[in-house]
Amino acid sequence: MAPVIEKNPTVAKVNASPTGMWIMAGIISLVILAVALFSFMNFDPYVNQVLALKGDADRGRAIFQANCVVCHGIQADGYIGPSLWGVSQRRSQSHIIHQVVSGQTPPMPQFEPNPQEMADLLDYLKTI
């Protein structure tokens, strides 16, 4: 059955199927959630401070070797944790920062580098 459209000059109503309405509600919910998460990550003062700094890949490598190699391997190709090769192309800088400092993906521990150390680590991750 085709949708019925009322021809009211002020309001146009479309009688849609219940399934279509649920799908549309789901899509709208996902969009709202994505916007909220993106906004939260970009308004975090720590994230903004890190992103405003210029990182140093050599210092970042030292930070990586001191804190990350046990799980991600000396070449960052994965061991207990996943490979980090190309992570800067797959994930946003904000996402990487959140992952490092939150430790929300077990078994990754929470790691709290100061903003400059985090900027250095991000710069190093861009090289692998």
Protein backbone atom coordinates (compact mmCIF):
# COMPACT_ATOMS: atom_id res chain seq x y z
CA MET A 1 0.00 0.00 0.00
CA ALA A 2 1.42 3.38 -0.98
CA PRO A 3 1.86 6.09 1.67
CA VAL A 4 -1.00 8.54 1.92
CA ILE A 5 0.01 12.18 1.83
CA GLU A 6 -2.45 14.78 3.07
CA LYS A 7 -2.58 17.90 0.96
CA ASN A 8 -2.73 20.48 3.72
CA PRO A 9 -0.79 23.66 2.86
CA THR A 10 0.54 23.98 6.42
CA VAL A 11 1.29 20.38 7.33
CA ALA A 12 2.16 17.36 5.23
CA LYS A 13 1.68 14.02 6.97
CA VAL A 14 2.97 10.72 5.70
CA ASN A 15 1.46 7.49 6.96
CA ALA A 16 4.49 5.22 7.20
CA SER A 17 4.72 1.61 8.29
CA PRO A 18 5.61 0.89 11.93
CA THR A 19 8.78 -0.93 10.83
CA GLY A 20 9.94 2.06 8.83
CA MET A 21 9.32 4.35 11.78
CA TRP A 22 11.38 2.10 14.09
CA ILE A 23 14.22 2.05 11.59
CA MET A 24 14.11 5.85 11.27
CA ALA A 25 14.04 6.23 15.08
CA GLY A 26 17.07 3.94 15.33
CA ILE A 27 19.00 5.91 12.73
CA ILE A 28 18.18 9.21 14.42
CA SER A 29 19.26 7.79 17.80
CA LEU A 30 22.59 6.61 16.37
CA VAL A 31 23.24 10.01 14.79
CA ILE A 32 22.47 11.79 18.07
CA LEU A 33 24.75 9.40 19.98
CA ALA A 34 27.59 9.88 17.48
CA VAL A 35 27.29 13.67 17.65
CA ALA A 36 27.23 13.58 21.45
CA LEU A 37 30.33 11.36 21.65
CA PHE A 38 32.20 13.46 19.09
CA SER A 39 31.28 16.64 20.96
CA PHE A 40 32.34 15.18 24.30
CA MET A 41 35.73 14.14 22.96
CA ASN A 42 36.39 17.51 21.34
CA PHE A 43 35.40 19.60 24.36
CA ASP A 44 37.52 17.71 26.86
CA PRO A 45 40.09 20.23 28.16
CA TYR A 46 42.84 17.59 28.36
CA VAL A 47 42.25 16.51 24.74
CA ASN A 48 42.24 20.11 23.55
CA GLN A 49 45.46 20.85 25.44
CA VAL A 50 47.18 17.80 23.95
CA LEU A 51 46.03 18.61 20.42
CA ALA A 52 47.34 22.17 20.76
CA LEU A 53 50.89 20.95 21.48
CA LYS A 54 53.58 19.96 19.02
CA GLY A 55 54.73 16.43 19.68
CA ASP A 56 58.20 14.94 19.33
CA ALA A 57 58.30 11.42 17.85
CA ASP A 58 61.66 10.55 19.47
CA ARG A 59 60.35 11.36 22.94
CA GLY A 60 57.14 9.56 22.03
CA ARG A 61 59.10 6.43 21.11
CA ALA A 62 60.80 6.50 24.52
CA ILE A 63 57.40 6.84 26.23
CA PHE A 64 56.08 3.96 24.12
CA GLN A 65 59.05 1.76 24.99
CA ALA A 66 58.70 2.50 28.70
CA ASN A 67 54.95 1.95 28.90
CA CYS A 68 53.47 0.14 25.92
CA VAL A 69 55.85 -2.49 24.51
CA VAL A 70 54.91 -5.17 27.05
CA CYS A 71 51.48 -5.47 25.44
CA HIS A 72 51.87 -3.95 21.97
CA GLY A 73 55.34 -5.33 21.21
CA ILE A 74 58.66 -3.61 20.58
CA GLN A 75 57.67 -2.96 16.95
CA ALA A 76 54.05 -2.06 17.95
CA ASP A 77 52.89 -5.03 15.88
CA GLY A 78 50.81 -6.54 18.65
CA TYR A 79 51.38 -9.05 21.39
CA ILE A 80 48.78 -9.07 24.16
CA GLY A 81 47.37 -5.81 22.82
CA PRO A 82 46.56 -5.13 19.17
CA SER A 83 48.98 -3.98 16.52
CA LEU A 84 49.24 -0.21 16.43
CA TRP A 85 50.57 -0.04 12.88
CA GLY A 86 48.54 2.59 11.04
CA VAL A 87 46.45 3.43 14.11
CA SER A 88 46.70 7.16 13.35
CA GLN A 89 45.04 6.52 9.99
CA ARG A 90 42.31 4.32 11.49
CA ARG A 91 41.43 6.36 14.58
CA SER A 92 41.13 10.06 15.34
CA GLN A 93 43.66 11.70 17.62
CA SER A 94 40.87 12.32 20.14
CA HIS A 95 39.93 8.64 20.09
CA ILE A 96 43.53 7.55 20.67
CA ILE A 97 43.92 9.98 23.58
CA HIS A 98 40.70 8.74 25.15
CA GLN A 99 41.77 5.10 24.74
CA VAL A 100 45.17 5.70 26.34
CA VAL A 101 43.96 7.66 29.36
CA SER A 102 40.72 5.76 30.04
CA GLY A 103 41.92 2.18 30.06
CA GLN A 104 38.32 1.19 29.25
CA THR A 105 39.32 -1.69 27.00
CA PRO A 106 40.67 -4.42 29.24
CA PRO A 107 43.39 -5.48 29.70
CA MET A 108 44.75 -2.02 28.81
CA PRO A 109 45.69 -0.21 32.01
CA GLN A 110 44.82 3.41 32.60
CA PHE A 111 47.80 5.53 31.63
CA GLU A 112 47.93 9.20 32.58
CA PRO A 113 50.67 10.98 30.65
CA ASN A 114 50.96 14.73 31.01
CA PRO A 115 49.73 16.64 27.93
CA GLN A 116 53.20 17.00 26.39
CA GLU A 117 53.95 13.29 26.83
CA MET A 118 50.62 12.43 25.21
CA ALA A 119 51.39 14.79 22.30
CA ASP A 120 54.79 13.11 21.92
CA LEU A 121 53.20 9.64 21.96
CA LEU A 122 50.66 10.70 19.31
CA ASP A 123 53.49 12.00 17.14
CA TYR A 124 55.33 8.68 17.48
CA LEU A 125 52.19 6.70 16.61
CA LYS A 126 51.97 8.67 13.36
CA THR A 127 55.33 7.18 12.34
CA ILE A 128 54.26 3.53 12.63
